[in-house]
Amino acid sequence: METGRSARDVTLAVLACVVYVACVLVAQATASTFIHLPLGISVAVGTLWFGCTFTTRDHVHAVLGRRGAYIMIGVAIAASCAETVVLGVPPRIILASVIATAMAESADTEVYHANRRRAWLIRVLRSNSVSIPIDTVVFNLVAFAGVLGWGAMLGLTVGDMLTKAAMGALVGLVRAGRRSPTGATA
């Protein structure tokens, strides 16, 4: 745990861990349901849930440190594997999620860590700008290559990336107006 954290901050970070894992699991369970938008763009319903995980991971990192963030990511990956057995989520969705989560969340963690002395919103936007494209491209290729046509995958990738970025920025902006997890205003 990072030094100088209040019990309240730690409690909120632990709650954020629970929210993170829950969002990953709900995102996987709804990953094959799509919202079709104009211009051939689609958004997987799961993206609406997963879009919050990037900034939630940043909050956990700010309070519990890099190690705490990686432990949370590991728990989410383990829960993902259990989800395919318990809920019958297609293995291709779980495989895509495990690979994308490991790659994107590791990148998010390291970019966030490298920017930890900057304002909260800058840390969030920088780490999200790296992790969201990695997550979206890797997940969609592993989960939907051979299932969807390339045009549909392109529309889904664009829609998912924009949605994740908007959700992450929204959560980051809401959090930036409050006391940041490091104790300073953002």
Protein backbone atom coordinates (compact mmCIF):
# COMPACT_ATOMS: atom_id res chain seq x y z
CA MET A 1 0.00 0.00 0.00
CA GLU A 2 1.19 3.51 -0.74
CA THR A 3 2.18 5.46 2.35
CA GLY A 4 0.02 8.15 3.89
CA ARG A 5 -3.35 6.74 2.83
CA SER A 6 -6.36 7.16 5.07
CA ALA A 7 -8.54 4.25 6.09
CA ARG A 8 -11.30 5.82 3.99
CA ASP A 9 -9.07 5.87 0.89
CA VAL A 10 -8.11 2.24 1.41
CA THR A 11 -11.74 1.21 1.94
CA LEU A 12 -12.74 3.01 -1.27
CA ALA A 13 -9.86 1.36 -3.13
CA VAL A 14 -10.96 -2.09 -1.96
CA LEU A 15 -14.51 -1.26 -3.06
CA ALA A 16 -13.06 -0.12 -6.41
CA CYS A 17 -11.38 -3.55 -6.71
CA VAL A 18 -14.76 -5.24 -6.30
CA VAL A 19 -16.33 -2.89 -8.85
CA TYR A 20 -13.46 -3.54 -11.26
CA VAL A 21 -13.80 -7.34 -11.10
CA ALA A 22 -17.60 -7.10 -11.36
CA CYS A 23 -17.38 -4.83 -14.41
CA VAL A 24 -14.95 -7.23 -16.12
CA LEU A 25 -17.31 -10.16 -15.51
CA VAL A 26 -20.45 -8.33 -16.66
CA ALA A 27 -18.56 -7.00 -19.70
CA GLN A 28 -17.61 -10.54 -20.73
CA ALA A 29 -21.13 -11.86 -20.23
CA THR A 30 -22.50 -9.12 -22.52
CA ALA A 31 -19.61 -8.93 -25.02
CA SER A 32 -21.52 -10.65 -27.83
CA THR A 33 -24.54 -8.34 -27.65
CA PHE A 34 -24.21 -5.29 -29.89
CA ILE A 35 -25.75 -1.85 -30.17
CA HIS A 36 -25.78 -0.79 -33.82
CA LEU A 37 -25.21 2.89 -34.52
CA PRO A 38 -25.20 4.90 -37.76
CA LEU A 39 -22.27 4.74 -40.21
CA GLY A 40 -21.68 1.03 -39.62
CA ILE A 41 -20.42 1.59 -36.09
CA SER A 42 -21.35 -0.85 -33.34
CA VAL A 43 -20.67 -1.03 -29.63
CA ALA A 44 -20.60 -4.24 -27.63
CA VAL A 45 -22.81 -3.89 -24.56
CA GLY A 46 -19.87 -5.19 -22.55
CA THR A 47 -17.88 -2.13 -23.56
CA LEU A 48 -20.24 0.06 -21.56
CA TRP A 49 -19.16 -1.88 -18.49
CA PHE A 50 -15.52 -2.35 -19.37
CA GLY A 51 -15.00 1.33 -20.18
CA CYS A 52 -15.05 2.11 -16.47
CA THR A 53 -12.32 -0.37 -15.58
CA PHE A 54 -9.39 1.67 -16.88
CA THR A 55 -10.00 4.64 -14.59
CA THR A 56 -11.05 2.37 -11.72
CA ARG A 57 -7.69 0.59 -12.08
CA ASP A 58 -5.97 3.98 -11.91
CA HIS A 59 -7.75 4.78 -8.64
CA VAL A 60 -6.66 1.47 -7.12
CA HIS A 61 -3.09 2.11 -8.30
CA ALA A 62 -3.09 5.56 -6.68
CA VAL A 63 -4.11 4.17 -3.30
CA LEU A 64 -2.82 0.59 -3.19
CA GLY A 65 0.18 1.04 -5.47
CA ARG A 66 1.44 -0.84 -8.49
CA ARG A 67 1.44 -4.20 -6.69
CA GLY A 68 -2.17 -3.71 -5.55
CA ALA A 69 -3.22 -2.93 -9.12
CA TYR A 70 -1.54 -6.08 -10.44
CA ILE A 71 -3.14 -8.23 -7.73
CA MET A 72 -6.56 -6.84 -8.71
CA ILE A 73 -5.88 -7.55 -12.39
CA GLY A 74 -4.86 -11.12 -11.51
CA VAL A 75 -8.05 -11.65 -9.51
CA ALA A 76 -10.10 -10.38 -12.47
CA ILE A 77 -8.31 -12.76 -14.84
CA ALA A 78 -8.89 -15.72 -12.48
CA ALA A 79 -12.56 -14.78 -12.09
CA SER A 80 -12.81 -14.56 -15.89
CA CYS A 81 -11.64 -18.13 -16.25
CA ALA A 82 -14.18 -19.29 -13.68
CA GLU A 83 -16.92 -17.37 -15.50
CA THR A 84 -16.67 -19.52 -18.60
CA VAL A 85 -17.33 -22.62 -16.49
CA VAL A 86 -20.04 -21.18 -14.25
CA LEU A 87 -21.97 -19.01 -16.74
CA GLY A 88 -21.06 -20.67 -19.99
CA VAL A 89 -19.52 -17.55 -21.50
CA PRO A 90 -17.95 -18.70 -24.78
CA PRO A 91 -14.28 -19.64 -24.34
CA ARG A 92 -13.28 -17.30 -27.21
CA ILE A 93 -14.66 -14.35 -25.18
CA ILE A 94 -12.78 -15.42 -22.05
CA LEU A 95 -9.55 -16.07 -23.98
CA ALA A 96 -9.86 -12.66 -25.66
CA SER A 97 -10.53 -11.02 -22.33
CA VAL A 98 -7.64 -12.69 -20.53
CA ILE A 99 -5.13 -11.79 -23.26
CA ALA A 100 -6.44 -8.24 -23.75
CA THR A 101 -6.70 -7.61 -20.01
CA ALA A 102 -3.17 -8.83 -19.32
CA MET A 103 -1.70 -6.72 -22.13
CA ALA A 104 -3.79 -3.55 -21.81
CA GLU A 105 -3.98 -3.36 -18.04
CA SER A 106 -0.23 -3.97 -17.73
CA ALA A 107 0.37 -1.11 -20.16
CA ASP A 108 -2.14 1.05 -18.27
CA THR A 109 -0.41 0.27 -14.97
CA GLU A 110 3.05 1.13 -16.25
CA VAL A 111 2.01 4.36 -18.02
CA TYR A 112 0.05 5.44 -14.96
CA HIS A 113 3.02 4.59 -12.71
CA ALA A 114 5.40 6.61 -14.90
CA ASN A 115 3.07 9.61 -14.58
CA ARG A 116 2.23 9.21 -10.88
CA ARG A 117 3.61 12.65 -9.96
CA ARG A 118 1.31 14.41 -12.42
CA ALA A 119 -2.25 15.57 -11.81
CA TRP A 120 -4.91 12.83 -11.54
CA LEU A 121 -6.62 13.65 -14.83
CA ILE A 122 -3.32 13.69 -16.75
CA ARG A 123 -2.40 10.26 -15.32
CA VAL A 124 -5.80 8.88 -16.28
CA LEU A 125 -5.86 10.31 -19.80
CA ARG A 126 -2.30 9.24 -20.59
CA SER A 127 -2.69 5.69 -19.31
CA ASN A 128 -6.09 5.29 -20.99
CA SER A 129 -4.73 6.58 -24.31
CA VAL A 130 -2.34 3.63 -24.38
CA SER A 131 -4.43 0.86 -22.82
CA ILE A 132 -7.77 1.44 -24.56
CA PRO A 133 -6.49 0.86 -28.12
CA ILE A 134 -4.53 -2.21 -27.02
CA ASP A 135 -7.52 -3.68 -25.20
CA THR A 136 -9.97 -2.97 -28.01
CA VAL A 137 -7.90 -4.25 -30.91
CA VAL A 138 -6.64 -7.38 -29.11
CA PHE A 139 -10.04 -8.27 -27.65
CA ASN A 140 -11.95 -7.80 -30.90
CA LEU A 141 -9.41 -9.73 -32.98
CA VAL A 142 -9.30 -12.71 -30.62
CA ALA A 143 -13.04 -12.73 -29.82
CA PHE A 144 -14.54 -11.98 -33.22
CA ALA A 145 -12.09 -12.83 -36.04
CA GLY A 146 -13.85 -15.45 -38.13
CA VAL A 147 -17.15 -14.71 -36.37
CA LEU A 148 -17.75 -11.21 -37.74
CA GLY A 149 -16.77 -9.83 -41.13
CA TRP A 150 -13.87 -7.37 -41.31
CA GLY A 151 -16.19 -4.41 -41.93
CA ALA A 152 -18.26 -5.28 -38.87
CA MET A 153 -15.07 -5.74 -36.82
CA LEU A 154 -13.79 -2.33 -37.92
CA GLY A 155 -17.10 -0.68 -36.97
CA LEU A 156 -17.08 -2.52 -33.64
CA THR A 157 -13.47 -1.55 -32.93
CA VAL A 158 -14.14 2.13 -33.64
CA GLY A 159 -17.33 2.13 -31.58
CA ASP A 160 -15.77 0.26 -28.67
CA MET A 161 -12.68 2.45 -28.61
CA LEU A 162 -14.70 5.67 -28.61
CA THR A 163 -17.05 4.35 -25.93
CA LYS A 164 -14.22 3.19 -23.64
CA ALA A 165 -12.44 6.52 -24.06
CA ALA A 166 -15.63 8.46 -23.27
CA MET A 167 -16.44 6.31 -20.24
CA GLY A 168 -12.87 6.53 -18.91
CA ALA A 169 -12.75 10.29 -19.43
CA LEU A 170 -16.15 10.74 -17.77
CA VAL A 171 -15.11 8.75 -14.70
CA GLY A 172 -11.78 10.62 -14.65
CA LEU A 173 -13.48 14.02 -14.90
CA VAL A 174 -15.94 13.20 -12.14
CA ARG A 175 -13.08 12.05 -9.94
CA ALA A 176 -10.90 15.06 -10.87
CA GLY A 177 -13.41 17.44 -9.30
CA ARG A 178 -13.04 15.69 -5.95
CA ARG A 179 -10.03 15.14 -3.76
CA SER A 180 -7.78 12.87 -5.81
CA PRO A 181 -6.60 9.52 -4.43
CA THR A 182 -3.19 11.09 -3.75
CA GLY A 183 -4.78 13.71 -1.49
CA ALA A 184 -4.31 16.68 -3.83
CA THR A 185 -6.87 18.23 -6.08
CA ALA A 186 -6.53 17.23 -9.69
